Amino acid sequence: MITPIDLWLETAHEAHALRAQVAYLEEAWLRAEADADYWYFRACNAVASDAK
């Protein structure tokens, strides 16, 4: 028999797992943004140096 406490514990566990996944995805997003910025500015600098 499933009790309300069992349901609450399962829900709390699921919520914790989802928060961990969201944190991981946020970190991955920030890394991807940093990589995109790096390559964008590198490409801009290459174009600027070619224009001289």
PDB file of N, CA and C in Angstrom:
ATOM      1  N   MET A   1       0.837  -1.183   0.000  1.00  0.00           N
ATOM      2  CA  MET A   1       0.000   0.000   0.000  1.00  0.00           C
ATOM      3  C   MET A   1       0.884   1.250   0.000  1.00  0.00           C
ATOM      4  N   ILE A   2       0.560   2.164  -0.871  1.00  0.00           N
ATOM      5  CA  ILE A   2       1.314   3.410  -0.965  1.00  0.00           C
ATOM      6  C   ILE A   2       0.686   4.440  -0.038  1.00  0.00           C
ATOM      7  N   THR A   3       1.529   5.027   0.788  1.00  0.00           N
ATOM      8  CA  THR A   3       1.038   6.040   1.728  1.00  0.00           C
ATOM      9  C   THR A   3       1.336   7.431   1.181  1.00  0.00           C
ATOM     10  N   PRO A   4       0.693   8.447   1.711  1.00  0.00           N
ATOM     11  CA  PRO A   4       1.008   9.813   1.289  1.00  0.00           C
ATOM     12  C   PRO A   4       2.484  10.171   1.508  1.00  0.00           C
ATOM     13  N   ILE A   5       3.083   9.620   2.544  1.00  0.00           N
ATOM     14  CA  ILE A   5       4.507   9.889   2.786  1.00  0.00           C
ATOM     15  C   ILE A   5       5.354   9.295   1.665  1.00  0.00           C
ATOM     16  N   ASP A   6       5.011   8.097   1.206  1.00  0.00           N
ATOM     17  CA  ASP A   6       5.733   7.482   0.085  1.00  0.00           C
ATOM     18  C   ASP A   6       5.629   8.365  -1.158  1.00  0.00           C
ATOM     19  N   LEU A   7       4.444   8.869  -1.418  1.00  0.00           N
ATOM     20  CA  LEU A   7       4.254   9.745  -2.578  1.00  0.00           C
ATOM     21  C   LEU A   7       5.062  11.028  -2.431  1.00  0.00           C
ATOM     22  N   TRP A   8       5.058  11.584  -1.213  1.00  0.00           N
ATOM     23  CA  TRP A   8       5.809  12.811  -0.974  1.00  0.00           C
ATOM     24  C   TRP A   8       7.298  12.581  -1.172  1.00  0.00           C
ATOM     25  N   LEU A   9       7.824  11.465  -0.639  1.00  0.00           N
ATOM     26  CA  LEU A   9       9.247  11.158  -0.789  1.00  0.00           C
ATOM     27  C   LEU A   9       9.621  10.946  -2.252  1.00  0.00           C
ATOM     28  N   GLU A  10       8.771  10.262  -2.980  1.00  0.00           N
ATOM     29  CA  GLU A  10       9.037  10.042  -4.403  1.00  0.00           C
ATOM     30  C   GLU A  10       9.029  11.371  -5.152  1.00  0.00           C
ATOM     31  N   THR A  11       8.085  12.235  -4.831  1.00  0.00           N
ATOM     32  CA  THR A  11       7.998  13.548  -5.472  1.00  0.00           C
ATOM     33  C   THR A  11       9.220  14.395  -5.136  1.00  0.00           C
ATOM     34  N   ALA A  12       9.648  14.357  -3.884  1.00  0.00           N
ATOM     35  CA  ALA A  12      10.834  15.112  -3.475  1.00  0.00           C
ATOM     36  C   ALA A  12      12.070  14.609  -4.215  1.00  0.00           C
ATOM     37  N   HIS A  13      12.180  13.295  -4.366  1.00  0.00           N
ATOM     38  CA  HIS A  13      13.315  12.722  -5.090  1.00  0.00           C
ATOM     39  C   HIS A  13      13.287  13.168  -6.561  1.00  0.00           C
ATOM     40  N   GLU A  14      12.123  13.116  -7.179  1.00  0.00           N
ATOM     41  CA  GLU A  14      11.988  13.548  -8.579  1.00  0.00           C
ATOM     42  C   GLU A  14      12.345  15.031  -8.718  1.00  0.00           C
ATOM     43  N   ALA A  15      11.883  15.839  -7.787  1.00  0.00           N
ATOM     44  CA  ALA A  15      12.176  17.275  -7.841  1.00  0.00           C
ATOM     45  C   ALA A  15      13.676  17.528  -7.718  1.00  0.00           C
ATOM     46  N   HIS A  16      14.325  16.798  -6.836  1.00  0.00           N
ATOM     47  CA  HIS A  16      15.770  16.951  -6.675  1.00  0.00           C
ATOM     48  C   HIS A  16      16.499  16.568  -7.966  1.00  0.00           C
ATOM     49  N   ALA A  17      16.086  15.471  -8.575  1.00  0.00           N
ATOM     50  CA  ALA A  17      16.706  15.023  -9.825  1.00  0.00           C
ATOM     51  C   ALA A  17      16.485  16.051 -10.931  1.00  0.00           C
ATOM     52  N   LEU A  18      15.302  16.624 -10.997  1.00  0.00           N
ATOM     53  CA  LEU A  18      15.031  17.637 -12.020  1.00  0.00           C
ATOM     54  C   LEU A  18      15.854  18.898 -11.798  1.00  0.00           C
ATOM     55  N   ARG A  19      16.015  19.298 -10.531  1.00  0.00           N
ATOM     56  CA  ARG A  19      16.847  20.478 -10.242  1.00  0.00           C
ATOM     57  C   ARG A  19      18.288  20.226 -10.665  1.00  0.00           C
ATOM     58  N   ALA A  20      18.787  19.015 -10.435  1.00  0.00           N
ATOM     59  CA  ALA A  20      20.152  18.680 -10.849  1.00  0.00           C
ATOM     60  C   ALA A  20      20.284  18.724 -12.370  1.00  0.00           C
ATOM     61  N   GLN A  21      19.273  18.229 -13.081  1.00  0.00           N
ATOM     62  CA  GLN A  21      19.310  18.269 -14.546  1.00  0.00           C
ATOM     63  C   GLN A  21      19.267  19.702 -15.056  1.00  0.00           C
ATOM     64  N   VAL A  22      18.447  20.536 -14.443  1.00  0.00           N
ATOM     65  CA  VAL A  22      18.355  21.943 -14.849  1.00  0.00           C
ATOM     66  C   VAL A  22      19.693  22.643 -14.608  1.00  0.00           C
ATOM     67  N   ALA A  23      20.318  22.388 -13.482  1.00  0.00           N
ATOM     68  CA  ALA A  23      21.613  22.996 -13.188  1.00  0.00           C
ATOM     69  C   ALA A  23      22.650  22.569 -14.227  1.00  0.00           C
ATOM     70  N   TYR A  24      22.653  21.295 -14.589  1.00  0.00           N
ATOM     71  CA  TYR A  24      23.590  20.798 -15.599  1.00  0.00           C
ATOM     72  C   TYR A  24      23.340  21.481 -16.940  1.00  0.00           C
ATOM     73  N   LEU A  25      22.066  21.602 -17.316  1.00  0.00           N
ATOM     74  CA  LEU A  25      21.742  22.238 -18.594  1.00  0.00           C
ATOM     75  C   LEU A  25      22.098  23.717 -18.588  1.00  0.00           C
ATOM     76  N   GLU A  26      21.914  24.390 -17.459  1.00  0.00           N
ATOM     77  CA  GLU A  26      22.305  25.798 -17.370  1.00  0.00           C
ATOM     78  C   GLU A  26      23.811  25.952 -17.551  1.00  0.00           C
ATOM     79  N   GLU A  27      24.587  25.078 -16.914  1.00  0.00           N
ATOM     80  CA  GLU A  27      26.047  25.128 -17.072  1.00  0.00           C
ATOM     81  C   GLU A  27      26.450  24.842 -18.518  1.00  0.00           C
ATOM     82  N   ALA A  28      25.806  23.875 -19.134  1.00  0.00           N
ATOM     83  CA  ALA A  28      26.106  23.556 -20.535  1.00  0.00           C
ATOM     84  C   ALA A  28      25.767  24.737 -21.436  1.00  0.00           C
ATOM     85  N   TRP A  29      24.664  25.409 -21.158  1.00  0.00           N
ATOM     86  CA  TRP A  29      24.267  26.579 -21.945  1.00  0.00           C
ATOM     87  C   TRP A  29      25.320  27.684 -21.812  1.00  0.00           C
ATOM     88  N   LEU A  30      25.764  27.942 -20.597  1.00  0.00           N
ATOM     89  CA  LEU A  30      26.775  28.982 -20.383  1.00  0.00           C
ATOM     90  C   LEU A  30      28.084  28.642 -21.082  1.00  0.00           C
ATOM     91  N   ARG A  31      28.473  27.358 -21.051  1.00  0.00           N
ATOM     92  CA  ARG A  31      29.695  26.948 -21.763  1.00  0.00           C
ATOM     93  C   ARG A  31      29.522  27.139 -23.261  1.00  0.00           C
ATOM     94  N   ALA A  32      28.353  26.792 -23.787  1.00  0.00           N
ATOM     95  CA  ALA A  32      28.103  26.952 -25.227  1.00  0.00           C
ATOM     96  C   ALA A  32      28.126  28.426 -25.614  1.00  0.00           C
ATOM     97  N   GLU A  33      27.554  29.291 -24.772  1.00  0.00           N
ATOM     98  CA  GLU A  33      27.602  30.726 -25.056  1.00  0.00           C
ATOM     99  C   GLU A  33      29.040  31.236 -25.056  1.00  0.00           C
ATOM    100  N   ALA A  34      29.827  30.795 -24.089  1.00  0.00           N
ATOM    101  CA  ALA A  34      31.226  31.220 -24.019  1.00  0.00           C
ATOM    102  C   ALA A  34      31.990  30.736 -25.254  1.00  0.00           C
ATOM    103  N   ASP A  35      31.750  29.498 -25.674  1.00  0.00           N
ATOM    104  CA  ASP A  35      32.404  28.983 -26.878  1.00  0.00           C
ATOM    105  C   ASP A  35      31.992  29.781 -28.108  1.00  0.00           C
ATOM    106  N   ALA A  36      30.712  30.102 -28.208  1.00  0.00           N
ATOM    107  CA  ALA A  36      30.230  30.874 -29.361  1.00  0.00           C
ATOM    108  C   ALA A  36      30.868  32.257 -29.370  1.00  0.00           C
ATOM    109  N   ASP A  37      30.958  32.891 -28.206  1.00  0.00           N
ATOM    110  CA  ASP A  37      31.604  34.207 -28.123  1.00  0.00           C
ATOM    111  C   ASP A  37      33.063  34.123 -28.548  1.00  0.00           C
ATOM    112  N   TYR A  38      33.763  33.105 -28.085  1.00  0.00           N
ATOM    113  CA  TYR A  38      35.172  32.931 -28.425  1.00  0.00           C
ATOM    114  C   TYR A  38      35.356  32.831 -29.940  1.00  0.00           C
ATOM    115  N   TRP A  39      34.585  31.951 -30.559  1.00  0.00           N
ATOM    116  CA  TRP A  39      34.750  31.749 -32.000  1.00  0.00           C
ATOM    117  C   TRP A  39      34.281  32.953 -32.800  1.00  0.00           C
ATOM    118  N   TYR A  40      33.245  33.638 -32.319  1.00  0.00           N
ATOM    119  CA  TYR A  40      32.765  34.849 -33.004  1.00  0.00           C
ATOM    120  C   TYR A  40      33.852  35.927 -32.995  1.00  0.00           C
ATOM    121  N   PHE A  41      34.417  36.192 -31.811  1.00  0.00           N
ATOM    122  CA  PHE A  41      35.437  37.232 -31.734  1.00  0.00           C
ATOM    123  C   PHE A  41      36.711  36.824 -32.449  1.00  0.00           C
ATOM    124  N   ARG A  42      37.019  35.550 -32.437  1.00  0.00           N
ATOM    125  CA  ARG A  42      38.189  35.080 -33.184  1.00  0.00           C
ATOM    126  C   ARG A  42      37.989  35.312 -34.689  1.00  0.00           C
ATOM    127  N   ALA A  43      36.771  35.015 -35.172  1.00  0.00           N
ATOM    128  CA  ALA A  43      36.473  35.235 -36.586  1.00  0.00           C
ATOM    129  C   ALA A  43      36.484  36.736 -36.918  1.00  0.00           C
ATOM    130  N   CYS A  44      35.943  37.552 -36.021  1.00  0.00           N
ATOM    131  CA  CYS A  44      35.950  39.002 -36.249  1.00  0.00           C
ATOM    132  C   CYS A  44      37.375  39.538 -36.290  1.00  0.00           C
ATOM    133  N   ASN A  45      38.231  39.056 -35.408  1.00  0.00           N
ATOM    134  CA  ASN A  45      39.609  39.504 -35.396  1.00  0.00           C
ATOM    135  C   ASN A  45      40.349  39.060 -36.656  1.00  0.00           C
ATOM    136  N   ALA A  46      40.025  37.883 -37.153  1.00  0.00           N
ATOM    137  CA  ALA A  46      40.658  37.401 -38.390  1.00  0.00           C
ATOM    138  C   ALA A  46      40.236  38.272 -39.564  1.00  0.00           C
ATOM    139  N   VAL A  47      38.972  38.634 -39.614  1.00  0.00           N
ATOM    140  CA  VAL A  47      38.486  39.492 -40.698  1.00  0.00           C
ATOM    141  C   VAL A  47      39.103  40.883 -40.582  1.00  0.00           C
ATOM    142  N   ALA A  48      39.196  41.390 -39.363  1.00  0.00           N
ATOM    143  CA  ALA A  48      39.770  42.718 -39.145  1.00  0.00           C
ATOM    144  C   ALA A  48      41.245  42.746 -39.525  1.00  0.00           C
ATOM    145  N   SER A  49      41.979  41.691 -39.203  1.00  0.00           N
ATOM    146  CA  SER A  49      43.395  41.659 -39.542  1.00  0.00           C
ATOM    147  C   SER A  49      43.600  41.488 -41.050  1.00  0.00           C
ATOM    148  N   ASP A  50      42.662  40.807 -41.721  1.00  0.00           N
ATOM    149  CA  ASP A  50      42.736  40.659 -43.180  1.00  0.00           C
ATOM    150  C   ASP A  50      42.431  41.975 -43.887  1.00  0.00           C
ATOM    151  N   ALA A  51      41.637  42.836 -43.261  1.00  0.00           N
ATOM    152  CA  ALA A  51      41.230  44.091 -43.872  1.00  0.00           C
ATOM    153  C   ALA A  51      42.327  45.145 -43.813  1.00  0.00           C
ATOM    154  N   LYS A  52      43.355  44.909 -42.998  1.00  0.00           N
ATOM    155  CA  LYS A  52      44.433  45.913 -42.855  1.00  0.00           C
ATOM    156  C   LYS A  52      45.357  45.913 -44.041  1.00  0.00           C
TER     157      LYS A  52
END
